[in-house]
Amino acid sequence: MEYHIQNRDDFIKYVKSEVLTSSEVLEVLGVSRQSLNSLVKRGKLVPIKELSRDKLFLREDIERRKEESKELHSKYRPYDE
């Protein structure tokens, strides 16, 4: 996806809509903090920035992982549905 950021307001709008904190990722994916840390450690999710107590992720990456996990869940746990 391509973005055209012309000014400060565009940048702020982009960050608010497209950058997620670890806590927001937990909600979107419906996983525990330990699972999120495991996904990062195994390279399944790559934060765009790591802070001392938090990580930042792109919404696009999180949405892609959410779709992948749905596919894997239906493939390996079809009896749960």
C-alpha atoms as a PDB file:
ATOM      1  CA  MET A   1       0.000   0.000   0.000  1.00  0.00           C
ATOM      2  CA  GLU A   2       1.282   3.441  -0.849  1.00  0.00           C
ATOM      3  CA  TYR A   3       0.772   6.517   1.286  1.00  0.00           C
ATOM      4  CA  HIS A   4       1.180  10.169   0.403  1.00  0.00           C
ATOM      5  CA  ILE A   5       1.846  12.273   3.450  1.00  0.00           C
ATOM      6  CA  GLN A   6       1.963  15.938   2.576  1.00  0.00           C
ATOM      7  CA  ASN A   7       1.919  17.618   5.973  1.00  0.00           C
ATOM      8  CA  ARG A   8       1.854  17.142   9.715  1.00  0.00           C
ATOM      9  CA  ASP A   9      -1.924  16.590   9.849  1.00  0.00           C
ATOM     10  CA  ASP A  10      -1.698  13.806   7.250  1.00  0.00           C
ATOM     11  CA  PHE A  11       1.068  12.179   9.269  1.00  0.00           C
ATOM     12  CA  ILE A  12      -0.917  12.345  12.510  1.00  0.00           C
ATOM     13  CA  LYS A  13      -3.973  10.908  10.775  1.00  0.00           C
ATOM     14  CA  TYR A  14      -1.846   8.084   9.328  1.00  0.00           C
ATOM     15  CA  VAL A  15      -0.299   7.180  12.691  1.00  0.00           C
ATOM     16  CA  LYS A  16      -3.659   7.221  14.501  1.00  0.00           C
ATOM     17  CA  SER A  17      -5.290   4.947  11.935  1.00  0.00           C
ATOM     18  CA  GLU A  18      -2.450   2.658  10.822  1.00  0.00           C
ATOM     19  CA  VAL A  19      -0.105   2.191  13.796  1.00  0.00           C
ATOM     20  CA  LEU A  20      -1.145  -0.068  16.669  1.00  0.00           C
ATOM     21  CA  THR A  21       0.314  -0.517  20.149  1.00  0.00           C
ATOM     22  CA  SER A  22       0.822  -3.945  21.693  1.00  0.00           C
ATOM     23  CA  SER A  23      -2.393  -3.575  23.704  1.00  0.00           C
ATOM     24  CA  GLU A  24      -4.386  -2.786  20.557  1.00  0.00           C
ATOM     25  CA  VAL A  25      -2.847  -5.783  18.797  1.00  0.00           C
ATOM     26  CA  LEU A  26      -3.917  -8.037  21.680  1.00  0.00           C
ATOM     27  CA  GLU A  27      -7.519  -6.907  21.155  1.00  0.00           C
ATOM     28  CA  VAL A  28      -7.463  -7.270  17.370  1.00  0.00           C
ATOM     29  CA  LEU A  29      -5.877 -10.723  17.369  1.00  0.00           C
ATOM     30  CA  GLY A  30      -7.544 -11.937  20.553  1.00  0.00           C
ATOM     31  CA  VAL A  31      -4.316 -13.374  21.952  1.00  0.00           C
ATOM     32  CA  SER A  32      -2.462 -13.080  25.247  1.00  0.00           C
ATOM     33  CA  ARG A  33       0.614 -10.931  25.753  1.00  0.00           C
ATOM     34  CA  GLN A  34       2.703 -14.117  25.950  1.00  0.00           C
ATOM     35  CA  SER A  35       1.369 -15.226  22.555  1.00  0.00           C
ATOM     36  CA  LEU A  36       2.154 -11.833  21.052  1.00  0.00           C
ATOM     37  CA  ASN A  37       5.698 -11.978  22.430  1.00  0.00           C
ATOM     38  CA  SER A  38       6.062 -15.475  20.969  1.00  0.00           C
ATOM     39  CA  LEU A  39       4.865 -14.276  17.544  1.00  0.00           C
ATOM     40  CA  VAL A  40       7.450 -11.478  17.650  1.00  0.00           C
ATOM     41  CA  LYS A  41      10.254 -13.766  18.850  1.00  0.00           C
ATOM     42  CA  ARG A  42       9.505 -16.299  16.060  1.00  0.00           C
ATOM     43  CA  GLY A  43       9.396 -13.535  13.417  1.00  0.00           C
ATOM     44  CA  LYS A  44       5.701 -14.009  12.629  1.00  0.00           C
ATOM     45  CA  LEU A  45       5.075 -10.351  13.525  1.00  0.00           C
ATOM     46  CA  VAL A  46       7.689  -7.627  13.212  1.00  0.00           C
ATOM     47  CA  PRO A  47       7.235  -4.411  15.186  1.00  0.00           C
ATOM     48  CA  ILE A  48       8.051  -1.181  13.386  1.00  0.00           C
ATOM     49  CA  LYS A  49       9.426   0.252  16.630  1.00  0.00           C
ATOM     50  CA  GLU A  50      10.268  -1.196  20.028  1.00  0.00           C
ATOM     51  CA  LEU A  51      10.028   1.058  23.042  1.00  0.00           C
ATOM     52  CA  SER A  52      11.104   0.218  26.585  1.00  0.00           C
ATOM     53  CA  ARG A  53       7.627  -1.045  27.571  1.00  0.00           C
ATOM     54  CA  ASP A  54       5.739  -1.315  24.296  1.00  0.00           C
ATOM     55  CA  LYS A  55       5.988  -2.186  20.627  1.00  0.00           C
ATOM     56  CA  LEU A  56       4.367  -0.506  17.634  1.00  0.00           C
ATOM     57  CA  PHE A  57       2.951  -2.458  14.684  1.00  0.00           C
ATOM     58  CA  LEU A  58       1.443  -1.606  11.321  1.00  0.00           C
ATOM     59  CA  ARG A  59      -2.284  -2.348  11.103  1.00  0.00           C
ATOM     60  CA  GLU A  60      -1.733  -3.960   7.681  1.00  0.00           C
ATOM     61  CA  ASP A  61       0.623  -6.571   9.197  1.00  0.00           C
ATOM     62  CA  ILE A  62      -1.792  -7.326  12.034  1.00  0.00           C
ATOM     63  CA  GLU A  63      -4.768  -7.735   9.684  1.00  0.00           C
ATOM     64  CA  ARG A  64      -2.704 -10.086   7.503  1.00  0.00           C
ATOM     65  CA  ARG A  65      -1.752 -12.175  10.557  1.00  0.00           C
ATOM     66  CA  LYS A  66      -5.395 -12.278  11.649  1.00  0.00           C
ATOM     67  CA  GLU A  67      -6.416 -13.747   8.278  1.00  0.00           C
ATOM     68  CA  GLU A  68      -3.543 -16.259   8.355  1.00  0.00           C
ATOM     69  CA  SER A  69      -4.523 -17.409  11.828  1.00  0.00           C
ATOM     70  CA  LYS A  70      -8.152 -17.911  10.718  1.00  0.00           C
ATOM     71  CA  GLU A  71      -6.945 -20.116   7.853  1.00  0.00           C
ATOM     72  CA  LEU A  72      -4.604 -22.092  10.110  1.00  0.00           C
ATOM     73  CA  HIS A  73      -7.303 -22.515  12.733  1.00  0.00           C
ATOM     74  CA  SER A  74      -9.807 -23.912  10.230  1.00  0.00           C
ATOM     75  CA  LYS A  75      -7.133 -26.193   8.732  1.00  0.00           C
ATOM     76  CA  TYR A  76      -5.784 -27.658  11.950  1.00  0.00           C
ATOM     77  CA  ARG A  77      -8.803 -27.373  14.255  1.00  0.00           C
ATOM     78  CA  PRO A  78     -11.847 -27.892  12.023  1.00  0.00           C
ATOM     79  CA  TYR A  79     -13.825 -29.512  14.843  1.00  0.00           C
ATOM     80  CA  ASP A  80     -13.829 -26.238  16.815  1.00  0.00           C
ATOM     81  CA  GLU A  81     -16.098 -24.501  14.319  1.00  0.00           C
END
